[in-house]
């Protein structure tokens, strides 16, 4: 494992600072996609729970 020097951290800090807007947009898009996936999963769960309820009513 390589050890990072303070100058490496400074370089990363400058890179993040100069690309901050792009990084923020990328993170926001990632959270947006995650939220969409969670919504889809919730819909699937609700649909399956409805199916189970229907089966239980028939018993």
Protein backbone atom coordinates (compact mmCIF):
# COMPACT_ATOMS: atom_id res chain seq x y z
CA UNK A 1 0.00 0.00 0.00
CA UNK A 2 1.39 3.39 -0.98
CA UNK A 3 1.69 6.05 1.64
CA UNK A 4 0.26 9.43 0.66
CA UNK A 5 2.35 12.50 1.29
CA UNK A 6 0.90 15.87 2.32
CA UNK A 7 1.61 17.15 -1.20
CA UNK A 8 -0.61 14.34 -2.55
CA UNK A 9 -3.45 15.47 -0.31
CA UNK A 10 -2.93 19.07 -1.41
CA UNK A 11 -3.10 18.04 -5.05
CA UNK A 12 -6.31 16.11 -4.41
CA UNK A 13 -7.74 19.07 -2.53
CA UNK A 14 -6.96 21.42 -5.44
CA UNK A 15 -8.49 18.96 -7.91
CA UNK A 16 -11.66 18.59 -5.86
CA UNK A 17 -11.88 22.35 -5.34
CA UNK A 18 -11.49 23.07 -9.06
CA UNK A 19 -13.98 20.35 -10.01
CA UNK A 20 -16.34 20.90 -7.10
CA UNK A 21 -19.37 21.76 -9.22
CA UNK A 22 -18.89 18.71 -11.43
CA UNK A 23 -18.47 16.48 -8.39
CA UNK A 24 -21.59 17.94 -6.75
CA UNK A 25 -23.61 17.35 -9.92
CA UNK A 26 -22.35 13.77 -10.19
CA UNK A 27 -23.27 13.08 -6.56
CA UNK A 28 -26.71 14.65 -7.02
CA UNK A 29 -27.34 12.51 -10.10
CA UNK A 30 -26.24 9.41 -8.22
CA UNK A 31 -28.67 10.18 -5.40
CA UNK A 32 -31.38 10.82 -7.99
CA UNK A 33 -30.80 7.42 -9.57
CA UNK A 34 -30.75 5.80 -6.14
CA UNK A 35 -34.05 7.46 -5.27
CA UNK A 36 -35.57 6.18 -8.53
CA UNK A 37 -34.43 2.65 -7.75
CA UNK A 38 -35.86 2.83 -4.23
CA UNK A 39 -39.19 4.04 -5.64
CA UNK A 40 -39.25 1.12 -8.10
CA UNK A 41 -38.46 -1.35 -5.31
CA UNK A 42 -41.20 0.11 -3.11
CA UNK A 43 -43.69 -0.27 -5.95
CA UNK A 44 -42.69 -3.89 -6.46
CA UNK A 45 -43.02 -4.61 -2.75
CA UNK A 46 -46.46 -3.01 -2.64
CA UNK A 47 -47.58 -5.02 -5.67
CA UNK A 48 -46.35 -8.27 -4.16
CA UNK A 49 -47.96 -7.48 -0.81
CA UNK A 50 -51.21 -6.93 -2.67
CA UNK A 51 -50.84 -10.32 -4.32
CA UNK A 52 -50.19 -11.97 -0.94
CA UNK A 53 -53.25 -10.24 0.54
CA UNK A 54 -55.38 -11.58 -2.30
CA UNK A 55 -54.09 -15.11 -1.75
CA UNK A 56 -54.70 -14.89 1.99
CA UNK A 57 -58.30 -13.70 1.39
CA UNK A 58 -58.93 -16.73 -0.82
CA UNK A 59 -57.81 -19.07 1.94
